[in-house]
Amino acid sequence: MRKYVTYSSLVGINLLYACVTIFTKYASQHEFISTAYCLGLAGAIGVMGAYAIGWQQILKHIEISTAYMFKGTSLIFVMLLAWMLFGEQITLNNILGAGVIITGIALYAKE
């Protein structure tokens, strides 16, 4: 059971990491040093701080090589969030890449 909690935490922390990209994308769509731009950057910095603390706590319970394998999930989250929030396209190559990431994690977690 503990293994599944740790793996779930890894996926969750990588979702949080993906949000950094979303905040910076939001900031990039506004005029430099405008209120919206600053809010986007402040959001990115805040989320990155929370991510750093969470990542360190997870590393107490799992090998770093295993933890880094789950970093690929953040790419999937960025792709999905960009599609939902900014209307960006998801291509066949994106879907195939996400499938490879998910397959690799599933094969490792099966051990």
Protein backbone atom coordinates (compact mmCIF):
# COMPACT_ATOMS: atom_id res chain seq x y z
CA MET A 1 0.00 0.00 0.00
CA ARG A 2 2.83 2.39 0.86
CA LYS A 3 4.29 1.94 -2.63
CA TYR A 4 1.03 3.10 -4.23
CA VAL A 5 0.86 6.13 -1.95
CA THR A 6 4.42 7.06 -2.91
CA TYR A 7 3.72 6.60 -6.63
CA SER A 8 0.50 8.61 -6.33
CA SER A 9 2.45 11.35 -4.56
CA LEU A 10 4.98 11.35 -7.40
CA VAL A 11 2.24 11.80 -9.97
CA GLY A 12 0.64 14.55 -7.88
CA ILE A 13 3.89 16.44 -7.39
CA ASN A 14 4.54 16.28 -11.12
CA LEU A 15 1.08 17.72 -11.76
CA LEU A 16 2.10 20.57 -9.50
CA TYR A 17 5.35 20.95 -11.47
CA ALA A 18 3.35 21.11 -14.71
CA CYS A 19 1.43 24.06 -13.30
CA VAL A 20 4.66 26.09 -13.32
CA THR A 21 4.67 25.85 -17.11
CA ILE A 22 1.02 26.90 -17.25
CA PHE A 23 1.69 29.98 -15.11
CA THR A 24 4.65 30.99 -17.26
CA LYS A 25 2.61 30.48 -20.44
CA TYR A 26 -0.09 32.70 -18.93
CA ALA A 27 2.50 35.35 -18.08
CA SER A 28 3.94 35.23 -21.60
CA GLN A 29 0.57 36.18 -23.06
CA HIS A 30 0.53 39.53 -21.27
CA GLU A 31 2.53 42.71 -21.62
CA PHE A 32 5.86 42.70 -19.81
CA ILE A 33 5.57 43.94 -16.22
CA SER A 34 1.78 44.25 -16.40
CA THR A 35 -0.30 43.08 -13.45
CA ALA A 36 -1.31 39.85 -15.21
CA TYR A 37 2.32 39.18 -16.17
CA CYS A 38 3.48 39.65 -12.58
CA LEU A 39 0.67 37.45 -11.27
CA GLY A 40 1.68 34.71 -13.68
CA LEU A 41 5.29 34.86 -12.57
CA ALA A 42 4.34 35.04 -8.90
CA GLY A 43 2.16 31.97 -9.38
CA ALA A 44 5.02 30.12 -11.05
CA ILE A 45 7.44 31.01 -8.26
CA GLY A 46 4.94 30.01 -5.55
CA VAL A 47 4.13 26.70 -7.20
CA MET A 48 7.84 26.00 -7.74
CA GLY A 49 8.48 26.56 -4.03
CA ALA A 50 5.69 24.17 -3.05
CA TYR A 51 6.98 21.66 -5.60
CA ALA A 52 10.54 21.84 -4.20
CA ILE A 53 9.32 21.11 -0.68
CA GLY A 54 7.08 18.25 -1.83
CA TRP A 55 9.80 16.76 -4.03
CA GLN A 56 12.25 16.72 -1.13
CA GLN A 57 9.72 14.99 1.10
CA ILE A 58 9.05 12.32 -1.53
CA LEU A 59 12.77 11.69 -1.99
CA LYS A 60 12.94 10.65 1.66
CA HIS A 61 10.86 7.58 0.76
CA ILE A 62 12.03 6.55 -2.71
CA GLU A 63 15.20 6.21 -4.76
CA ILE A 64 15.99 9.22 -6.91
CA SER A 65 16.24 7.09 -10.08
CA THR A 66 12.66 5.90 -9.53
CA ALA A 67 11.43 9.40 -8.75
CA TYR A 68 12.93 10.83 -11.92
CA MET A 69 11.25 8.17 -14.01
CA PHE A 70 7.92 9.72 -13.00
CA LYS A 71 9.02 13.17 -14.22
CA GLY A 72 7.64 12.19 -17.63
CA THR A 73 4.13 12.49 -16.23
CA SER A 74 4.62 16.26 -15.99
CA LEU A 75 4.95 16.37 -19.79
CA ILE A 76 1.60 14.64 -20.14
CA PHE A 77 0.00 17.04 -17.67
CA VAL A 78 1.43 20.07 -19.50
CA MET A 79 0.07 18.77 -22.79
CA LEU A 80 -3.41 18.24 -21.31
CA LEU A 81 -3.49 21.53 -19.40
CA ALA A 82 -2.30 23.48 -22.47
CA TRP A 83 -5.07 21.86 -24.50
CA MET A 84 -7.74 22.64 -21.88
CA LEU A 85 -6.64 26.15 -20.92
CA PHE A 86 -5.03 27.55 -24.08
CA GLY A 87 -6.63 25.50 -26.85
CA GLU A 88 -3.31 24.08 -28.02
CA GLN A 89 -3.42 21.09 -30.36
CA ILE A 90 -2.62 17.53 -29.30
CA THR A 91 -0.99 15.69 -32.19
CA LEU A 92 -0.63 12.00 -32.89
CA ASN A 93 3.04 12.27 -31.91
CA ASN A 94 1.97 13.76 -28.55
CA ILE A 95 -0.38 10.84 -27.96
CA LEU A 96 2.25 8.28 -28.94
CA GLY A 97 4.82 9.93 -26.66
CA ALA A 98 2.37 9.96 -23.75
CA GLY A 99 1.68 6.28 -24.40
CA VAL A 100 5.38 5.46 -24.22
CA ILE A 101 5.72 7.35 -20.92
CA ILE A 102 2.69 5.64 -19.38
CA THR A 103 3.80 2.21 -20.61
CA GLY A 104 7.28 2.67 -19.15
CA ILE A 105 5.93 3.71 -15.76
CA ALA A 106 3.37 0.89 -15.73
CA LEU A 107 6.04 -1.71 -16.56
CA TYR A 108 8.29 -0.41 -13.79
CA ALA A 109 5.49 -0.17 -11.24
CA LYS A 110 4.43 -3.75 -12.03
CA GLU A 111 7.71 -5.07 -10.57
